[in-house]
Amino acid sequence: MNRKSAYLVAGAIVGALALPQAASAAMSLTAAGTGLNFALSTFATLPQNGAYGAWGSAVLSNGNVVVNGYASPGGPTVNYVFADVDGQNPGSALSTSSWNDGNYASALTRVGTTVYGTHYSDNTVRIVNLDGSEGAVVSSRGRGGIDGDAARNSLLVATDDGLVEVDLANSDLATNRRYVAGAGGGSIDGVTVSPDGSIAYVEENGGVRGYNIATGANVFNNFAISGPDGIGFIRSGALAGNLIVNDNYGNVSLINTLTNAVTVIASGGSRGDYVGFDTTNGTLFLSQSDSLLRLSLTGGTIGGGGGNGVPEPSTWAMLILGFGGVGAALRRRAGARAAA
């Protein structure tokens, strides 16, 4: 994203940039967010680097959570590994590993049992090991946002070329990627894939756009949110199909992908950036300047294309109850018609 690139160039002169500068603001749900059954908690408190703090996050195959952030205020970027329990801080990390990406934001995602992360300093995508350390390179293009597409066994990555798909079945770095859509030059940042693996929703030039992954066709546009960045997808429940957008100005918004209506569900935060998907329980991690928050939805799950698409046991229970309710309603209607 251009704002992040500007930060790299300006270095310590962060105050000169036109960026949200809240040092430590407490995000809270709006009345609308509470009414829609969202809940908000703090997963981890982390060091800041100017207006920046936590970046990408994902759940490792052993159930721990890896979070990209800073080792100290203004310090180098690292990957922290935490237990998947709220209330974490650097002192409670199970491990802390260098992630030498040139002090730039790294986004993380998971496909199958493997976590992948963008690596700005050498423009690659790498495997993230269980201790958070750097693993093998899987793509020679990788700068900003990333999400997995389990249906296609691929990664969708924001690069300087635009949105690129990386074929995980092909280990040849020269041939395993293809251009999908969008402008280059840092125009695309946050990325999430619809649960069916067909559409990539991205932050592009200050808006949220959707692209058909197979054809590259632009199928969705929304420019109603200021400074959108990380994007999540509600996978199940009454709000299924809606997008959740973490923005640079301390807000979290819900976009109805059918009507394009925007509802602010949380506000008062600091600078938001990437989101991460907790595939263990269907919650969403929200990066902030000094923390990583957790957004939960009662009666629904949140995620992207990086999961296997199989609802959690609690979701199956809700679906069964839902089917039972539909059946009961149909029986009532049939009975009413018979009585009439």
C-alpha atoms as a PDB file:
ATOM      1  CA  MET A   1       0.000   0.000   0.000  1.00  0.00           C
ATOM      2  CA  ASN A   2       1.304   3.502  -0.758  1.00  0.00           C
ATOM      3  CA  ARG A   3       1.072   4.658   2.858  1.00  0.00           C
ATOM      4  CA  LYS A   4       3.293   1.803   4.007  1.00  0.00           C
ATOM      5  CA  SER A   5       5.772   2.438   1.209  1.00  0.00           C
ATOM      6  CA  ALA A   6       5.915   6.085   2.205  1.00  0.00           C
ATOM      7  CA  TYR A   7       6.666   5.037   5.767  1.00  0.00           C
ATOM      8  CA  LEU A   8       9.617   2.978   4.611  1.00  0.00           C
ATOM      9  CA  VAL A   9      11.042   5.931   2.721  1.00  0.00           C
ATOM     10  CA  ALA A  10      10.426   8.471   5.457  1.00  0.00           C
ATOM     11  CA  GLY A  11      11.685   6.282   8.269  1.00  0.00           C
ATOM     12  CA  ALA A  12      11.551   8.174  11.521  1.00  0.00           C
ATOM     13  CA  ILE A  13       9.744  11.179  10.036  1.00  0.00           C
ATOM     14  CA  VAL A  14       6.413   9.481  10.558  1.00  0.00           C
ATOM     15  CA  GLY A  15       4.780  12.608  11.908  1.00  0.00           C
ATOM     16  CA  ALA A  16       5.169  14.298   8.533  1.00  0.00           C
ATOM     17  CA  LEU A  17       2.998  11.746   6.808  1.00  0.00           C
ATOM     18  CA  ALA A  18      -0.759  12.088   6.396  1.00  0.00           C
ATOM     19  CA  LEU A  19      -1.439   9.062   8.584  1.00  0.00           C
ATOM     20  CA  PRO A  20      -3.562   8.398  11.656  1.00  0.00           C
ATOM     21  CA  GLN A  21      -1.232   8.965  14.603  1.00  0.00           C
ATOM     22  CA  ALA A  22      -3.210   7.748  17.619  1.00  0.00           C
ATOM     23  CA  ALA A  23      -0.636   6.222  19.943  1.00  0.00           C
ATOM     24  CA  SER A  24      -2.972   4.060  22.003  1.00  0.00           C
ATOM     25  CA  ALA A  25      -6.668   4.283  21.359  1.00  0.00           C
ATOM     26  CA  ALA A  26      -9.200   1.834  22.710  1.00  0.00           C
ATOM     27  CA  MET A  27     -11.509   0.506  20.049  1.00  0.00           C
ATOM     28  CA  SER A  28     -15.035  -0.347  21.138  1.00  0.00           C
ATOM     29  CA  LEU A  29     -18.133  -1.703  19.459  1.00  0.00           C
ATOM     30  CA  THR A  30     -20.751   0.700  18.209  1.00  0.00           C
ATOM     31  CA  ALA A  31     -24.412   0.213  19.058  1.00  0.00           C
ATOM     32  CA  ALA A  32     -24.822  -1.346  15.627  1.00  0.00           C
ATOM     33  CA  GLY A  33     -21.955  -3.762  16.254  1.00  0.00           C
ATOM     34  CA  THR A  34     -23.400  -4.828  19.596  1.00  0.00           C
ATOM     35  CA  GLY A  35     -26.837  -5.214  18.056  1.00  0.00           C
ATOM     36  CA  LEU A  36     -25.417  -7.508  15.384  1.00  0.00           C
ATOM     37  CA  ASN A  37     -23.922  -9.758  18.106  1.00  0.00           C
ATOM     38  CA  PHE A  38     -20.252  -8.913  17.630  1.00  0.00           C
ATOM     39  CA  ALA A  39     -17.818  -8.996  20.568  1.00  0.00           C
ATOM     40  CA  LEU A  40     -14.360  -7.439  20.863  1.00  0.00           C
ATOM     41  CA  SER A  41     -11.391  -8.436  23.040  1.00  0.00           C
ATOM     42  CA  THR A  42      -7.622  -7.875  23.163  1.00  0.00           C
ATOM     43  CA  PHE A  43      -5.571 -10.840  22.018  1.00  0.00           C
ATOM     44  CA  ALA A  44      -2.135  -9.238  22.452  1.00  0.00           C
ATOM     45  CA  THR A  45      -0.524  -5.919  23.388  1.00  0.00           C
ATOM     46  CA  LEU A  46       2.594  -5.283  21.274  1.00  0.00           C
ATOM     47  CA  PRO A  47       5.328  -2.627  20.814  1.00  0.00           C
ATOM     48  CA  GLN A  48       4.653   0.258  18.429  1.00  0.00           C
ATOM     49  CA  ASN A  49       6.829   1.721  15.705  1.00  0.00           C
ATOM     50  CA  GLY A  50       5.374   5.184  15.155  1.00  0.00           C
ATOM     51  CA  ALA A  51       1.766   4.680  14.082  1.00  0.00           C
ATOM     52  CA  TYR A  52       2.413   1.011  13.363  1.00  0.00           C
ATOM     53  CA  GLY A  53       2.305  -2.110  15.509  1.00  0.00           C
ATOM     54  CA  ALA A  54       0.842  -5.533  14.841  1.00  0.00           C
ATOM     55  CA  TRP A  55       0.709  -6.745  11.256  1.00  0.00           C
ATOM     56  CA  GLY A  56      -0.316 -10.145   9.903  1.00  0.00           C
ATOM     57  CA  SER A  57      -1.507 -13.092  11.998  1.00  0.00           C
ATOM     58  CA  ALA A  58      -2.487 -16.717  11.458  1.00  0.00           C
ATOM     59  CA  VAL A  59      -3.010 -19.980  13.330  1.00  0.00           C
ATOM     60  CA  LEU A  60      -0.232 -22.546  13.007  1.00  0.00           C
ATOM     61  CA  SER A  61      -0.918 -26.250  12.549  1.00  0.00           C
ATOM     62  CA  ASN A  62      -0.256 -26.883  16.266  1.00  0.00           C
ATOM     63  CA  GLY A  63      -2.958 -24.382  17.281  1.00  0.00           C
ATOM     64  CA  ASN A  64      -0.642 -21.550  18.297  1.00  0.00           C
ATOM     65  CA  VAL A  65      -0.975 -18.080  16.798  1.00  0.00           C
ATOM     66  CA  VAL A  66       1.851 -16.383  14.901  1.00  0.00           C
ATOM     67  CA  VAL A  67       1.808 -12.562  14.811  1.00  0.00           C
ATOM     68  CA  ASN A  68       4.107 -10.304  12.812  1.00  0.00           C
ATOM     69  CA  GLY A  69       5.151  -7.183  14.740  1.00  0.00           C
ATOM     70  CA  TYR A  70       8.084  -5.334  16.297  1.00  0.00           C
ATOM     71  CA  ALA A  71      10.613  -6.583  18.837  1.00  0.00           C
ATOM     72  CA  SER A  72      10.688  -3.152  20.530  1.00  0.00           C
ATOM     73  CA  PRO A  73       9.460   0.399  19.832  1.00  0.00           C
ATOM     74  CA  GLY A  74      11.091   1.257  16.522  1.00  0.00           C
ATOM     75  CA  GLY A  75      12.829  -2.097  16.518  1.00  0.00           C
ATOM     76  CA  PRO A  76      13.155  -4.821  13.888  1.00  0.00           C
ATOM     77  CA  THR A  77      10.225  -6.907  12.722  1.00  0.00           C
ATOM     78  CA  VAL A  78       9.750 -10.312  14.291  1.00  0.00           C
ATOM     79  CA  ASN A  79       7.207 -13.110  14.404  1.00  0.00           C
ATOM     80  CA  TYR A  80       5.774 -13.809  17.852  1.00  0.00           C
ATOM     81  CA  VAL A  81       4.179 -17.173  18.582  1.00  0.00           C
ATOM     82  CA  PHE A  82       1.490 -17.192  21.281  1.00  0.00           C
ATOM     83  CA  ALA A  83      -0.969 -19.659  22.732  1.00  0.00           C
ATOM     84  CA  ASP A  84      -4.446 -18.995  21.324  1.00  0.00           C
ATOM     85  CA  VAL A  85      -5.682 -17.229  24.457  1.00  0.00           C
ATOM     86  CA  ASP A  86      -6.466 -13.535  24.892  1.00  0.00           C
ATOM     87  CA  GLY A  87      -4.313 -11.262  27.047  1.00  0.00           C
ATOM     88  CA  GLN A  88      -0.902 -11.961  25.465  1.00  0.00           C
ATOM     89  CA  ASN A  89       2.185  -9.706  25.385  1.00  0.00           C
ATOM     90  CA  PRO A  90       5.822 -10.128  24.241  1.00  0.00           C
ATOM     91  CA  GLY A  91       6.732 -11.592  27.631  1.00  0.00           C
ATOM     92  CA  SER A  92       4.203 -14.395  27.230  1.00  0.00           C
ATOM     93  CA  ALA A  93       5.357 -15.369  23.727  1.00  0.00           C
ATOM     94  CA  LEU A  94       6.246 -19.026  23.301  1.00  0.00           C
ATOM     95  CA  SER A  95       8.931 -17.970  20.818  1.00  0.00           C
ATOM     96  CA  THR A  96      10.114 -14.837  19.021  1.00  0.00           C
ATOM     97  CA  SER A  97      11.854 -15.179  15.655  1.00  0.00           C
ATOM     98  CA  SER A  98      13.414 -12.689  13.286  1.00  0.00           C
ATOM     99  CA  TRP A  99      11.407 -11.978  10.142  1.00  0.00           C
ATOM    100  CA  ASN A 100      13.825  -9.928   8.074  1.00  0.00           C
ATOM    101  CA  ASP A 101      11.422  -8.078   5.808  1.00  0.00           C
ATOM    102  CA  GLY A 102      13.057  -4.648   5.881  1.00  0.00           C
ATOM    103  CA  ASN A 103      10.871  -3.327   8.730  1.00  0.00           C
ATOM    104  CA  TYR A 104       7.844  -3.586   6.465  1.00  0.00           C
ATOM    105  CA  ALA A 105       4.434  -5.058   7.195  1.00  0.00           C
ATOM    106  CA  SER A 106       4.081  -8.774   6.562  1.00  0.00           C
ATOM    107  CA  ALA A 107       0.689 -10.363   6.012  1.00  0.00           C
ATOM    108  CA  LEU A 108       0.181 -14.014   6.981  1.00  0.00           C
ATOM    109  CA  THR A 109      -2.294 -16.682   5.968  1.00  0.00           C
ATOM    110  CA  ARG A 110      -2.749 -20.438   6.127  1.00  0.00           C
ATOM    111  CA  VAL A 111      -3.571 -23.041   3.491  1.00  0.00           C
ATOM    112  CA  GLY A 112      -4.004 -26.591   4.726  1.00  0.00           C
ATOM    113  CA  THR A 113      -1.486 -27.055   7.549  1.00  0.00           C
ATOM    114  CA  THR A 114       1.028 -24.434   6.367  1.00  0.00           C
ATOM    115  CA  VAL A 115       1.271 -20.725   7.168  1.00  0.00           C
ATOM    116  CA  TYR A 116       2.736 -18.373   4.557  1.00  0.00           C
ATOM    117  CA  GLY A 117       3.890 -14.769   4.842  1.00  0.00           C
ATOM    118  CA  THR A 118       4.899 -11.944   2.518  1.00  0.00           C
ATOM    119  CA  HIS A 119       8.533 -10.863   2.848  1.00  0.00           C
ATOM    120  CA  TYR A 120       9.147  -7.360   1.572  1.00  0.00           C
ATOM    121  CA  SER A 121      12.961  -7.119   1.729  1.00  0.00           C
ATOM    122  CA  ASP A 122      13.495  -9.714  -1.022  1.00  0.00           C
ATOM    123  CA  ASN A 123      10.003  -9.530  -2.587  1.00  0.00           C
ATOM    124  CA  THR A 124       9.074 -13.133  -1.761  1.00  0.00           C
ATOM    125  CA  VAL A 125       6.472 -15.266  -0.048  1.00  0.00           C
ATOM    126  CA  ARG A 126       7.893 -17.671   2.524  1.00  0.00           C
ATOM    127  CA  ILE A 127       6.687 -20.546   4.647  1.00  0.00           C
ATOM    128  CA  VAL A 128       6.404 -19.667   8.344  1.00  0.00           C
ATOM    129  CA  ASN A 129       7.856 -22.377  10.572  1.00  0.00           C
ATOM    130  CA  LEU A 130       6.166 -23.461  13.806  1.00  0.00           C
ATOM    131  CA  ASP A 131       8.464 -21.223  15.874  1.00  0.00           C
ATOM    132  CA  GLY A 132       7.687 -18.251  13.602  1.00  0.00           C
ATOM    133  CA  SER A 133      11.036 -18.361  11.811  1.00  0.00           C
ATOM    134  CA  GLU A 134      11.586 -17.985   8.072  1.00  0.00           C
ATOM    135  CA  GLY A 135      11.053 -21.086   5.986  1.00  0.00           C
ATOM    136  CA  ALA A 136      11.400 -21.910   2.319  1.00  0.00           C
ATOM    137  CA  VAL A 137      10.549 -19.410  -0.416  1.00  0.00           C
ATOM    138  CA  VAL A 138       7.412 -20.387  -2.369  1.00  0.00           C
ATOM    139  CA  SER A 139       7.085 -17.304  -4.581  1.00  0.00           C
ATOM    140  CA  SER A 140       9.433 -14.665  -5.962  1.00  0.00           C
ATOM    141  CA  ARG A 141       6.646 -12.068  -5.756  1.00  0.00           C
ATOM    142  CA  GLY A 142       5.240 -10.872  -2.432  1.00  0.00           C
ATOM    143  CA  ARG A 143       4.862  -7.435  -0.931  1.00  0.00           C
ATOM    144  CA  GLY A 144       1.576  -6.761   0.881  1.00  0.00           C
ATOM    145  CA  GLY A 145      -1.647  -8.607   1.659  1.00  0.00           C
ATOM    146  CA  ILE A 146      -2.082 -12.328   1.203  1.00  0.00           C
ATOM    147  CA  ASP A 147      -4.770 -14.972   1.566  1.00  0.00           C
ATOM    148  CA  GLY A 148      -5.024 -18.619   0.685  1.00  0.00           C
ATOM    149  CA  ASP A 149      -7.427 -20.254  -1.712  1.00  0.00           C
ATOM    150  CA  ALA A 150      -7.938 -23.797  -0.439  1.00  0.00           C
ATOM    151  CA  ALA A 151     -10.235 -24.658  -3.354  1.00  0.00           C
ATOM    152  CA  ARG A 152      -7.481 -23.855  -5.858  1.00  0.00           C
ATOM    153  CA  ASN A 153      -4.505 -24.810  -3.635  1.00  0.00           C
ATOM    154  CA  SER A 154      -3.040 -21.386  -4.227  1.00  0.00           C
ATOM    155  CA  LEU A 155      -2.158 -18.052  -2.651  1.00  0.00           C
ATOM    156  CA  LEU A 156      -3.538 -14.671  -3.721  1.00  0.00           C
ATOM    157  CA  VAL A 157      -0.863 -12.057  -3.120  1.00  0.00           C
ATOM    158  CA  ALA A 158      -0.610  -8.287  -3.402  1.00  0.00           C
ATOM    159  CA  THR A 159       2.548  -7.569  -5.395  1.00  0.00           C
ATOM    160  CA  ASP A 160       4.130  -4.679  -7.278  1.00  0.00           C
ATOM    161  CA  ASP A 161       2.632  -6.260 -10.410  1.00  0.00           C
ATOM    162  CA  GLY A 162      -0.923  -6.270  -9.024  1.00  0.00           C
ATOM    163  CA  LEU A 163      -2.893  -9.214  -7.643  1.00  0.00           C
ATOM    164  CA  VAL A 164      -1.020 -12.453  -8.359  1.00  0.00           C
ATOM    165  CA  GLU A 165      -1.994 -16.100  -7.838  1.00  0.00           C
ATOM    166  CA  VAL A 166       0.720 -18.533  -6.718  1.00  0.00           C
ATOM    167  CA  ASP A 167       0.165 -22.214  -7.525  1.00  0.00           C
ATOM    168  CA  LEU A 168       1.289 -24.168  -4.454  1.00  0.00           C
ATOM    169  CA  ALA A 169       1.465 -27.401  -6.444  1.00  0.00           C
ATOM    170  CA  ASN A 170       4.241 -25.912  -8.590  1.00  0.00           C
ATOM    171  CA  SER A 171       7.615 -25.413  -6.883  1.00  0.00           C
ATOM    172  CA  ASP A 172       9.196 -23.648  -9.870  1.00  0.00           C
ATOM    173  CA  LEU A 173       9.495 -19.989  -8.822  1.00  0.00           C
ATOM    174  CA  ALA A 174       9.754 -18.923 -12.445  1.00  0.00           C
ATOM    175  CA  THR A 175       6.456 -20.458 -13.535  1.00  0.00           C
ATOM    176  CA  ASN A 176       4.229 -20.885 -10.451  1.00  0.00           C
ATOM    177  CA  ARG A 177       2.573 -17.476 -10.517  1.00  0.00           C
ATOM    178  CA  ARG A 178       0.167 -15.662 -12.809  1.00  0.00           C
ATOM    179  CA  TYR A 179      -1.232 -12.145 -12.898  1.00  0.00           C
ATOM    180  CA  VAL A 180      -4.921 -12.032 -11.939  1.00  0.00           C
ATOM    181  CA  ALA A 181      -6.025  -8.388 -11.963  1.00  0.00           C
ATOM    182  CA  GLY A 182      -5.528  -4.905 -10.604  1.00  0.00           C
ATOM    183  CA  ALA A 183      -2.973  -2.149 -10.856  1.00  0.00           C
ATOM    184  CA  GLY A 184       0.667  -2.560  -9.872  1.00  0.00           C
ATOM    185  CA  GLY A 185       3.043  -0.233  -8.071  1.00  0.00           C
ATOM    186  CA  GLY A 186       1.741  -0.881  -4.574  1.00  0.00           C
ATOM    187  CA  SER A 187      -1.888  -0.117  -5.401  1.00  0.00           C
ATOM    188  CA  ILE A 188      -3.211  -3.359  -3.843  1.00  0.00           C
ATOM    189  CA  ASP A 189      -2.817  -4.284  -0.192  1.00  0.00           C
ATOM    190  CA  GLY A 190      -5.284  -6.221   1.986  1.00  0.00           C
ATOM    191  CA  VAL A 191      -6.530  -9.464   0.386  1.00  0.00           C
ATOM    192  CA  THR A 192      -9.155 -12.035   1.314  1.00  0.00           C
ATOM    193  CA  VAL A 193     -10.689 -14.884  -0.673  1.00  0.00           C
ATOM    194  CA  SER A 194     -14.352 -15.848  -0.602  1.00  0.00           C
ATOM    195  CA  PRO A 195     -15.014 -19.223   1.075  1.00  0.00           C
ATOM    196  CA  ASP A 196     -15.830 -20.888  -2.259  1.00  0.00           C
ATOM    197  CA  GLY A 197     -12.462 -19.780  -3.660  1.00  0.00           C
ATOM    198  CA  SER A 198     -13.899 -17.832  -6.584  1.00  0.00           C
ATOM    199  CA  ILE A 199     -13.443 -14.143  -5.683  1.00  0.00           C
ATOM    200  CA  ALA A 200     -10.533 -12.203  -4.215  1.00  0.00           C
ATOM    201  CA  TYR A 201     -11.557  -9.048  -2.353  1.00  0.00           C
ATOM    202  CA  VAL A 202      -8.732  -6.524  -2.149  1.00  0.00           C
ATOM    203  CA  GLU A 203      -7.969  -3.028  -0.948  1.00  0.00           C
ATOM    204  CA  GLU A 204      -7.012  -1.133  -4.096  1.00  0.00           C
ATOM    205  CA  ASN A 205      -6.355   2.601  -4.374  1.00  0.00           C
ATOM    206  CA  GLY A 206      -8.484   3.444  -1.349  1.00  0.00           C
ATOM    207  CA  GLY A 207     -11.429   1.191  -2.164  1.00  0.00           C
ATOM    208  CA  VAL A 208     -12.544  -2.411  -1.774  1.00  0.00           C
ATOM    209  CA  ARG A 209     -12.737  -4.350  -5.020  1.00  0.00           C
ATOM    210  CA  GLY A 210     -13.610  -7.918  -5.901  1.00  0.00           C
ATOM    211  CA  TYR A 211     -12.001  -9.869  -8.739  1.00  0.00           C
ATOM    212  CA  ASN A 212     -12.983 -13.219 -10.178  1.00  0.00           C
ATOM    213  CA  ILE A 213      -9.831 -15.258  -9.612  1.00  0.00           C
ATOM    214  CA  ALA A 214     -10.206 -17.442 -12.698  1.00  0.00           C
ATOM    215  CA  THR A 215     -10.981 -14.668 -15.185  1.00  0.00           C
ATOM    216  CA  GLY A 216      -9.711 -11.465 -13.552  1.00  0.00           C
ATOM    217  CA  ALA A 217     -13.095  -9.780 -14.089  1.00  0.00           C
ATOM    218  CA  ASN A 218     -13.923  -6.941 -11.694  1.00  0.00           C
ATOM    219  CA  VAL A 219     -17.130  -8.060  -9.952  1.00  0.00           C
ATOM    220  CA  PHE A 220     -17.383  -5.763  -6.915  1.00  0.00           C
ATOM    221  CA  ASN A 221     -16.508  -2.167  -5.986  1.00  0.00           C
ATOM    222  CA  ASN A 222     -17.006  -0.127  -2.819  1.00  0.00           C
ATOM    223  CA  PHE A 223     -15.318   3.224  -2.151  1.00  0.00           C
ATOM    224  CA  ALA A 224     -17.417   4.297   0.833  1.00  0.00           C
ATOM    225  CA  ILE A 225     -14.798   3.575   3.551  1.00  0.00           C
ATOM    226  CA  SER A 226     -11.851   5.888   4.248  1.00  0.00           C
ATOM    227  CA  GLY A 227      -8.513   4.087   4.381  1.00  0.00           C
ATOM    228  CA  PRO A 228      -9.674   0.458   4.059  1.00  0.00           C
ATOM    229  CA  ASP A 229      -6.988  -2.158   4.616  1.00  0.00           C
ATOM    230  CA  GLY A 230      -7.398  -5.674   5.988  1.00  0.00           C
ATOM    231  CA  ILE A 231     -10.529  -7.527   4.848  1.00  0.00           C
ATOM    232  CA  GLY A 232     -12.382 -10.490   6.366  1.00  0.00           C
ATOM    233  CA  PHE A 233     -15.323 -12.546   5.127  1.00  0.00           C
ATOM    234  CA  ILE A 234     -18.243 -13.745   7.246  1.00  0.00           C
ATOM    235  CA  ARG A 235     -18.528 -17.420   6.386  1.00  0.00           C
ATOM    236  CA  SER A 236     -21.636 -18.514   8.277  1.00  0.00           C
ATOM    237  CA  GLY A 237     -24.603 -17.247  10.248  1.00  0.00           C
ATOM    238  CA  ALA A 238     -27.176 -14.567   9.533  1.00  0.00           C
ATOM    239  CA  LEU A 239     -24.491 -12.189   8.207  1.00  0.00           C
ATOM    240  CA  ALA A 240     -22.812 -14.729   5.911  1.00  0.00           C
ATOM    241  CA  GLY A 241     -21.477 -13.141   2.732  1.00  0.00           C
ATOM    242  CA  ASN A 242     -20.716  -9.772   4.301  1.00  0.00           C
ATOM    243  CA  LEU A 243     -17.194  -8.321   4.365  1.00  0.00           C
ATOM    244  CA  ILE A 244     -15.471  -6.918   7.444  1.00  0.00           C
ATOM    245  CA  VAL A 245     -12.989  -4.110   6.763  1.00  0.00           C
ATOM    246  CA  ASN A 246     -10.307  -2.866   9.168  1.00  0.00           C
ATOM    247  CA  ASP A 247      -9.331   0.704   8.241  1.00  0.00           C
ATOM    248  CA  ASN A 248      -6.444   3.080   8.914  1.00  0.00           C
ATOM    249  CA  TYR A 249      -8.628   5.470  10.923  1.00  0.00           C
ATOM    250  CA  GLY A 250      -9.650   3.354  13.873  1.00  0.00           C
ATOM    251  CA  ASN A 251     -12.890   1.875  12.529  1.00  0.00           C
ATOM    252  CA  VAL A 252     -14.162  -1.552  11.563  1.00  0.00           C
ATOM    253  CA  SER A 253     -16.995  -1.695   9.042  1.00  0.00           C
ATOM    254  CA  LEU A 254     -19.358  -4.267   7.632  1.00  0.00           C
ATOM    255  CA  ILE A 255     -20.069  -4.227   3.880  1.00  0.00           C
ATOM    256  CA  ASN A 256     -23.143  -5.948   2.540  1.00  0.00           C
ATOM    257  CA  THR A 257     -21.855  -7.384  -0.746  1.00  0.00           C
ATOM    258  CA  LEU A 258     -25.378  -7.492  -2.213  1.00  0.00           C
ATOM    259  CA  THR A 259     -26.462  -3.909  -1.451  1.00  0.00           C
ATOM    260  CA  ASN A 260     -23.043  -2.267  -0.877  1.00  0.00           C
ATOM    261  CA  ALA A 261     -24.417  -0.791   2.375  1.00  0.00           C
ATOM    262  CA  VAL A 262     -21.733   0.017   4.979  1.00  0.00           C
ATOM    263  CA  THR A 263     -22.278  -0.312   8.735  1.00  0.00           C
ATOM    264  CA  VAL A 264     -19.602   0.802  11.221  1.00  0.00           C
ATOM    265  CA  ILE A 265     -19.456  -1.927  13.877  1.00  0.00           C
ATOM    266  CA  ALA A 266     -16.460  -0.661  15.900  1.00  0.00           C
ATOM    267  CA  SER A 267     -14.759   2.716  16.282  1.00  0.00           C
ATOM    268  CA  GLY A 268     -12.329   4.717  18.416  1.00  0.00           C
ATOM    269  CA  GLY A 269      -9.321   2.550  17.617  1.00  0.00           C
ATOM    270  CA  SER A 270      -5.821   3.413  16.432  1.00  0.00           C
ATOM    271  CA  ARG A 271      -4.362   2.717  13.011  1.00  0.00           C
ATOM    272  CA  GLY A 272      -5.836  -0.532  11.726  1.00  0.00           C
ATOM    273  CA  ASP A 273      -4.139  -2.669   9.111  1.00  0.00           C
ATOM    274  CA  TYR A 274      -4.169  -6.369   8.215  1.00  0.00           C
ATOM    275  CA  VAL A 275      -6.581  -8.923   9.604  1.00  0.00           C
ATOM    276  CA  GLY A 276      -5.934 -12.561  10.441  1.00  0.00           C
ATOM    277  CA  PHE A 277      -8.201 -15.593  10.575  1.00  0.00           C
ATOM    278  CA  ASP A 278      -8.441 -17.810  13.627  1.00  0.00           C
ATOM    279  CA  THR A 279      -9.429 -21.024  11.879  1.00  0.00           C
ATOM    280  CA  THR A 280      -9.758 -22.773  15.256  1.00  0.00           C
ATOM    281  CA  ASN A 281     -12.817 -20.834  16.391  1.00  0.00           C
ATOM    282  CA  GLY A 282     -13.937 -18.614  13.487  1.00  0.00           C
ATOM    283  CA  THR A 283     -12.883 -15.276  14.973  1.00  0.00           C
ATOM    284  CA  LEU A 284     -11.043 -12.437  13.253  1.00  0.00           C
ATOM    285  CA  PHE A 285      -7.791 -10.810  14.383  1.00  0.00           C
ATOM    286  CA  LEU A 286      -7.628  -7.024  13.823  1.00  0.00           C
ATOM    287  CA  SER A 287      -4.246  -5.294  13.821  1.00  0.00           C
ATOM    288  CA  GLN A 288      -3.939  -1.954  15.642  1.00  0.00           C
ATOM    289  CA  SER A 289      -1.060   0.407  16.414  1.00  0.00           C
ATOM    290  CA  ASP A 290      -0.385  -1.128  19.822  1.00  0.00           C
ATOM    291  CA  SER A 291      -2.307  -4.371  19.857  1.00  0.00           C
ATOM    292  CA  LEU A 292      -3.974  -7.231  18.063  1.00  0.00           C
ATOM    293  CA  LEU A 293      -7.706  -7.398  18.770  1.00  0.00           C
ATOM    294  CA  ARG A 294     -10.095 -10.305  18.361  1.00  0.00           C
ATOM    295  CA  LEU A 295     -13.529  -9.830  16.786  1.00  0.00           C
ATOM    296  CA  SER A 296     -16.077 -12.555  17.505  1.00  0.00           C
ATOM    297  CA  LEU A 297     -19.573 -13.053  16.119  1.00  0.00           C
ATOM    298  CA  THR A 298     -22.192 -14.946  18.089  1.00  0.00           C
ATOM    299  CA  GLY A 299     -23.960 -17.341  15.750  1.00  0.00           C
ATOM    300  CA  GLY A 300     -21.438 -16.926  12.943  1.00  0.00           C
ATOM    301  CA  THR A 301     -17.850 -17.512  11.857  1.00  0.00           C
ATOM    302  CA  ILE A 302     -15.381 -15.166  10.183  1.00  0.00           C
ATOM    303  CA  GLY A 303     -12.544 -16.125   7.877  1.00  0.00           C
ATOM    304  CA  GLY A 304     -11.133 -16.101   4.394  1.00  0.00           C
ATOM    305  CA  GLY A 305     -10.144 -18.668   1.828  1.00  0.00           C
ATOM    306  CA  GLY A 306      -7.304 -20.041   3.905  1.00  0.00           C
ATOM    307  CA  GLY A 307      -9.478 -22.485   5.866  1.00  0.00           C
ATOM    308  CA  ASN A 308     -10.801 -25.780   4.617  1.00  0.00           C
ATOM    309  CA  GLY A 309     -14.326 -24.418   4.327  1.00  0.00           C
ATOM    310  CA  VAL A 310     -15.747 -27.013   6.757  1.00  0.00           C
ATOM    311  CA  PRO A 311     -17.860 -25.367   9.460  1.00  0.00           C
ATOM    312  CA  GLU A 312     -16.730 -25.770  13.061  1.00  0.00           C
ATOM    313  CA  PRO A 313     -18.794 -28.164  15.237  1.00  0.00           C
ATOM    314  CA  SER A 314     -20.656 -25.210  16.758  1.00  0.00           C
ATOM    315  CA  THR A 315     -21.582 -24.046  13.265  1.00  0.00           C
ATOM    316  CA  TRP A 316     -22.919 -27.476  12.330  1.00  0.00           C
ATOM    317  CA  ALA A 317     -25.076 -27.349  15.457  1.00  0.00           C
ATOM    318  CA  MET A 318     -26.428 -23.948  14.467  1.00  0.00           C
ATOM    319  CA  LEU A 319     -27.135 -25.147  10.947  1.00  0.00           C
ATOM    320  CA  ILE A 320     -29.010 -28.189  12.247  1.00  0.00           C
ATOM    321  CA  LEU A 321     -31.043 -25.990  14.575  1.00  0.00           C
ATOM    322  CA  GLY A 322     -31.698 -23.666  11.667  1.00  0.00           C
ATOM    323  CA  PHE A 323     -32.908 -26.503   9.459  1.00  0.00           C
ATOM    324  CA  GLY A 324     -35.128 -27.693  12.305  1.00  0.00           C
ATOM    325  CA  GLY A 325     -36.587 -24.209  12.633  1.00  0.00           C
ATOM    326  CA  VAL A 326     -37.308 -24.063   8.914  1.00  0.00           C
ATOM    327  CA  GLY A 327     -39.017 -27.454   9.091  1.00  0.00           C
ATOM    328  CA  ALA A 328     -41.128 -26.382  12.053  1.00  0.00           C
ATOM    329  CA  ALA A 329     -42.164 -23.213  10.244  1.00  0.00           C
ATOM    330  CA  LEU A 330     -43.178 -25.190   7.165  1.00  0.00           C
ATOM    331  CA  ARG A 331     -45.211 -27.589   9.318  1.00  0.00           C
ATOM    332  CA  ARG A 332     -46.966 -24.659  10.990  1.00  0.00           C
ATOM    333  CA  ARG A 333     -47.831 -23.142   7.620  1.00  0.00           C
ATOM    334  CA  ALA A 334     -49.152 -26.501   6.366  1.00  0.00           C
ATOM    335  CA  GLY A 335     -51.278 -26.881   9.495  1.00  0.00           C
ATOM    336  CA  ALA A 336     -52.673 -23.375   9.100  1.00  0.00           C
ATOM    337  CA  ARG A 337     -53.643 -24.072   5.480  1.00  0.00           C
ATOM    338  CA  ALA A 338     -55.362 -27.331   6.494  1.00  0.00           C
ATOM    339  CA  ALA A 339     -57.325 -25.575   9.247  1.00  0.00           C
ATOM    340  CA  ALA A 340     -58.421 -22.880   6.810  1.00  0.00           C
END
